[in-house]
N, C-alpha and C. Protein backbone atom coordinates (compact mmCIF):
# COMPACT_ATOMS: atom_id res chain seq x y z
N UNK A 1 1.05 -0.98 -0.37
CA UNK A 1 0.03 -0.11 -0.55
C UNK A 1 1.06 1.51 0.19
N UNK A 2 0.47 2.31 -1.05
CA UNK A 2 1.21 3.58 -1.26
C UNK A 2 0.77 4.57 0.35
N UNK A 3 1.78 5.22 0.85
CA UNK A 3 1.34 6.17 1.38
C UNK A 3 0.83 7.10 0.99
N UNK A 4 0.49 8.47 1.67
CA UNK A 4 -0.87 8.38 1.49
C UNK A 4 -0.52 10.54 0.80
N UNK A 5 1.21 10.45 1.29
CA UNK A 5 1.91 11.93 0.81
C UNK A 5 1.90 11.96 -0.73
N UNK A 6 1.64 10.05 -1.30
CA UNK A 6 2.58 10.26 -2.69
C UNK A 6 0.89 10.43 -3.22
N UNK A 7 -0.06 9.99 -2.73
CA UNK A 7 -0.99 9.97 -3.54
C UNK A 7 -1.72 11.68 -4.29
N UNK A 8 -1.31 12.29 -5.93
CA UNK A 8 -2.49 13.23 -5.76
C UNK A 8 -3.25 14.00 -5.44
N UNK A 9 -2.90 15.21 -4.52
CA UNK A 9 -4.35 15.62 -3.82
C UNK A 9 -5.29 16.41 -4.69
N UNK A 10 -3.92 17.98 -5.88
CA UNK A 10 -4.58 19.21 -6.62
C UNK A 10 -4.24 18.32 -7.96
N UNK A 11 -5.48 17.16 -8.54
CA UNK A 11 -5.51 16.59 -9.66
C UNK A 11 -6.25 17.92 -10.55
N UNK A 12 -5.49 18.31 -11.78
CA UNK A 12 -6.23 18.74 -13.11
C UNK A 12 -8.27 18.31 -12.84
N UNK A 13 -9.03 19.29 -12.92
CA UNK A 13 -10.26 18.18 -13.15
C UNK A 13 -10.44 18.53 -14.74
N UNK A 14 -11.25 17.29 -15.20
CA UNK A 14 -11.16 17.03 -16.36
C UNK A 14 -12.21 18.31 -16.59
N UNK A 15 -11.94 18.53 -18.35
CA UNK A 15 -13.33 19.75 -19.13
C UNK A 15 -12.10 20.87 -19.63
N UNK A 16 -12.50 22.11 -20.37
CA UNK A 16 -11.97 22.99 -20.71
C UNK A 16 -12.26 24.02 -19.06
N UNK A 17 -10.97 25.64 -19.76
CA UNK A 17 -10.74 25.77 -18.75
C UNK A 17 -11.48 27.49 -19.55
N UNK A 18 -11.38 28.41 -18.89
CA UNK A 18 -12.47 29.44 -19.24
C UNK A 18 -11.92 29.82 -20.44
N UNK A 19 -10.35 30.08 -20.15
CA UNK A 19 -10.09 30.68 -21.51
C UNK A 19 -9.56 30.02 -23.00
N UNK A 20 -9.64 28.24 -22.41
CA UNK A 20 -10.56 27.77 -23.95
C UNK A 20 -11.26 28.05 -24.48
N UNK A 21 -12.67 27.76 -23.41
CA UNK A 21 -13.93 28.78 -23.78
C UNK A 21 -14.36 29.30 -25.00
N UNK A 22 -13.76 30.39 -23.80
CA UNK A 22 -13.81 31.79 -25.18
C UNK A 22 -12.58 31.95 -25.68
N UNK A 23 -11.85 30.90 -26.18
CA UNK A 23 -11.10 30.95 -27.53
C UNK A 23 -12.01 30.93 -28.67
N UNK A 24 -12.90 29.83 -28.22
CA UNK A 24 -13.66 28.56 -28.97
C UNK A 24 -14.32 29.87 -29.49
N UNK A 25 -15.19 30.24 -28.42
CA UNK A 25 -16.49 31.15 -28.62
C UNK A 25 -16.17 32.30 -29.33
N UNK A 26 -14.78 33.43 -29.28
CA UNK A 26 -14.51 34.40 -30.09
C UNK A 26 -13.79 33.42 -31.51
N UNK A 27 -13.63 32.94 -32.36
CA UNK A 27 -13.72 31.56 -33.32
C UNK A 27 -14.62 31.39 -33.96
N UNK A 28 -15.39 30.70 -33.02
CA UNK A 28 -17.15 30.60 -33.44
C UNK A 28 -17.81 32.22 -34.78
N UNK A 29 -17.96 33.50 -33.39
CA UNK A 29 -18.36 34.07 -33.58
C UNK A 29 -17.30 35.22 -35.12
N UNK A 30 -16.25 34.80 -35.48
CA UNK A 30 -15.14 34.70 -36.11
C UNK A 30 -16.25 34.30 -37.23
N UNK A 31 -15.83 33.60 -37.69
CA UNK A 31 -16.59 32.08 -38.65
C UNK A 31 -18.28 32.74 -38.75
N UNK A 32 -19.50 33.13 -37.64
CA UNK A 32 -21.12 33.28 -37.92
C UNK A 32 -20.53 34.65 -39.10
N UNK A 33 -19.91 35.85 -37.73
CA UNK A 33 -20.03 36.60 -39.00
C UNK A 33 -19.32 36.51 -40.16
N UNK A 34 -18.46 36.18 -40.72
CA UNK A 34 -18.17 36.23 -41.93
C UNK A 34 -19.08 35.18 -43.07
N UNK A 35 -19.13 33.91 -42.42
CA UNK A 35 -20.61 33.57 -43.18
C UNK A 35 -21.94 34.02 -43.51
N UNK A 36 -22.05 35.13 -41.82
CA UNK A 36 -23.68 35.81 -42.47
C UNK A 36 -22.92 37.45 -43.26
N UNK A 37 -21.48 38.26 -43.47
CA UNK A 37 -22.01 39.01 -44.06
C UNK A 37 -21.80 38.43 -45.72
N UNK A 38 -20.61 37.61 -45.64
CA UNK A 38 -21.21 36.76 -47.72
C UNK A 38 -22.57 36.20 -47.53
N UNK A 39 -23.53 35.98 -47.59
CA UNK A 39 -24.76 35.46 -47.33
C UNK A 39 -25.34 36.51 -47.20
N UNK A 40 -25.29 37.53 -46.38
CA UNK A 40 -26.13 38.75 -46.35
C UNK A 40 -25.36 39.43 -48.43
N UNK A 41 -24.54 39.80 -48.74
CA UNK A 41 -24.17 40.04 -49.94
C UNK A 41 -24.19 38.72 -51.38
N UNK A 42 -24.79 37.91 -50.99
CA UNK A 42 -25.38 36.71 -52.02
C UNK A 42 -26.69 37.52 -52.39
N UNK A 43 -27.56 37.56 -51.29
CA UNK A 43 -28.98 37.62 -51.45
C UNK A 43 -28.73 38.68 -52.21
N UNK A 44 -28.84 39.93 -51.63
CA UNK A 44 -28.27 40.96 -51.63
C UNK A 44 -27.85 41.57 -53.89
N UNK A 45 -27.13 40.62 -54.09
CA UNK A 45 -26.93 40.94 -55.39
C UNK A 45 -27.58 39.82 -55.90
N UNK A 46 -27.73 38.54 -55.56
CA UNK A 46 -29.39 37.76 -56.64
C UNK A 46 -30.46 39.12 -56.01
N UNK A 47 -31.05 39.50 -55.30
CA UNK A 47 -32.33 40.49 -55.51
C UNK A 47 -32.44 41.79 -56.50
N UNK A 48 -31.36 42.18 -56.67
CA UNK A 48 -30.72 43.32 -58.01
C UNK A 48 -30.55 42.57 -59.28
N UNK A 49 -30.30 41.45 -59.09
CA UNK A 49 -30.19 40.28 -60.27
C UNK A 49 -31.64 40.25 -60.69
N UNK A 50 -32.33 39.67 -59.90
CA UNK A 50 -33.78 39.55 -60.07
C UNK A 50 -34.60 41.31 -60.22
N UNK A 51 -34.39 41.96 -60.40
CA UNK A 51 -34.89 43.65 -59.75
C UNK A 51 -34.29 43.81 -61.65
N UNK A 52 -33.60 43.71 -61.86
CA UNK A 52 -33.26 44.47 -63.54
C UNK A 52 -33.71 43.48 -64.01
N UNK A 53 -34.15 41.58 -63.53
CA UNK A 53 -34.49 41.32 -64.80
C UNK A 53 -35.98 41.50 -65.34
N UNK A 54 -36.67 42.10 -63.82
CA UNK A 54 -37.96 41.82 -63.10
C UNK A 54 -37.28 43.76 -64.79
N UNK A 55 -37.37 44.42 -64.67
CA UNK A 55 -37.38 45.91 -65.09
C UNK A 55 -37.30 45.58 -66.55
N UNK A 56 -36.01 44.94 -67.05
CA UNK A 56 -35.90 44.46 -68.49
C UNK A 56 -37.15 44.02 -68.96
N UNK A 57 -38.17 43.57 -68.79
CA UNK A 57 -38.79 42.24 -69.02
C UNK A 57 -40.50 43.65 -69.39
N UNK A 58 -40.44 44.41 -68.01
CA UNK A 58 -41.24 45.67 -68.30
C UNK A 58 -41.27 45.70 -69.08
N UNK A 59 -39.79 46.72 -69.94
CA UNK A 59 -39.57 47.66 -70.23
C UNK A 59 -39.95 46.60 -71.81
N UNK A 60 -39.52 45.82 -71.94
CA UNK A 60 -39.96 45.16 -73.12
C UNK A 60 -41.29 44.93 -73.68
N UNK A 61 -41.52 44.68 -72.37
CA UNK A 61 -42.96 44.69 -72.95
C UNK A 61 -43.71 45.59 -72.95
N UNK A 62 -43.89 47.08 -72.70
CA UNK A 62 -43.93 47.97 -72.93
C UNK A 62 -43.83 48.50 -74.62
N UNK A 63 -42.35 48.53 -75.10
CA UNK A 63 -41.85 48.58 -75.90
C UNK A 63 -42.40 47.95 -77.18
N UNK A 64 -43.17 46.70 -76.59
CA UNK A 64 -43.52 46.02 -77.79
C UNK A 64 -45.19 46.48 -78.03
N UNK A 65 -45.57 46.44 -76.81
CA UNK A 65 -47.44 46.96 -76.75
C UNK A 65 -46.89 48.56 -77.76
N UNK A 66 -46.25 49.45 -77.70
CA UNK A 66 -46.71 50.60 -77.68
C UNK A 66 -46.23 50.50 -79.69
N UNK A 67 -45.31 49.66 -79.78
CA UNK A 67 -45.40 48.95 -81.08
C UNK A 67 -46.36 48.94 -81.77
N UNK A 68 -47.52 47.88 -81.28
CA UNK A 68 -48.56 47.35 -81.39
C UNK A 68 -49.21 48.17 -82.36
N UNK A 69 -48.84 49.35 -80.72
CA UNK A 69 -50.63 50.26 -80.96
C UNK A 69 -50.07 51.81 -81.72
N UNK A 70 -48.35 51.73 -82.22
CA UNK A 70 -48.77 52.66 -83.45
C UNK A 70 -49.16 51.93 -84.76
N UNK A 71 -48.79 50.19 -84.99
CA UNK A 71 -49.18 49.94 -86.28
C UNK A 71 -50.71 49.70 -86.38
N UNK A 72 -51.23 49.75 -85.10
CA UNK A 72 -53.03 49.38 -85.59
C UNK A 72 -53.20 50.71 -86.45
N UNK A 73 -52.56 52.34 -85.63
CA UNK A 73 -52.62 53.63 -85.54
C UNK A 73 -51.66 53.79 -87.40
N UNK A 74 -51.95 53.14 -87.66
CA UNK A 74 -51.04 53.96 -88.84
C UNK A 74 -49.72 53.83 -89.32
N UNK A 75 -49.25 54.69 -88.47
CA UNK A 75 -47.66 55.15 -87.95
C UNK A 75 -46.76 54.00 -88.24
N UNK A 76 -46.42 54.12 -89.61
CA UNK A 76 -45.18 53.61 -89.89
C UNK A 76 -43.87 53.44 -88.49
N UNK A 77 -42.80 53.47 -87.72
CA UNK A 77 -41.89 53.29 -87.02
C UNK A 77 -41.31 52.16 -86.61
N UNK A 78 -39.53 52.42 -86.75
CA UNK A 78 -40.15 51.20 -86.88
C UNK A 78 -38.44 51.49 -84.36
N UNK A 79 -38.41 49.93 -84.47
CA UNK A 79 -38.20 49.82 -83.49
C UNK A 79 -36.94 50.81 -82.35
N UNK A 80 -36.41 50.82 -83.27
CA UNK A 80 -35.30 51.67 -82.82
C UNK A 80 -34.97 53.17 -82.82
N UNK A 81 -36.35 53.63 -82.92
CA UNK A 81 -36.74 54.99 -82.89
C UNK A 81 -36.89 56.09 -81.49
N UNK A 82 -36.97 55.24 -80.94
CA UNK A 82 -37.51 56.02 -79.00
C UNK A 82 -36.86 55.27 -78.61
């Protein structure tokens, strides 16, 4: 049997220290922030592209309607004149 003086009484507890947890949270925050920034830019670019496509479609429909109306009224106009 070993003497009691050889037994470790201040053994390190199992688990993470406060510094390790804070470092992990800091890294997680940096990674989550960069992912959120990338996603925000991506959604903004997608929304802008969708609005441009919609505007282009509306302009094309208006152009076609004006040309059709002018043809019905008897005006001779080319598509590139206005």
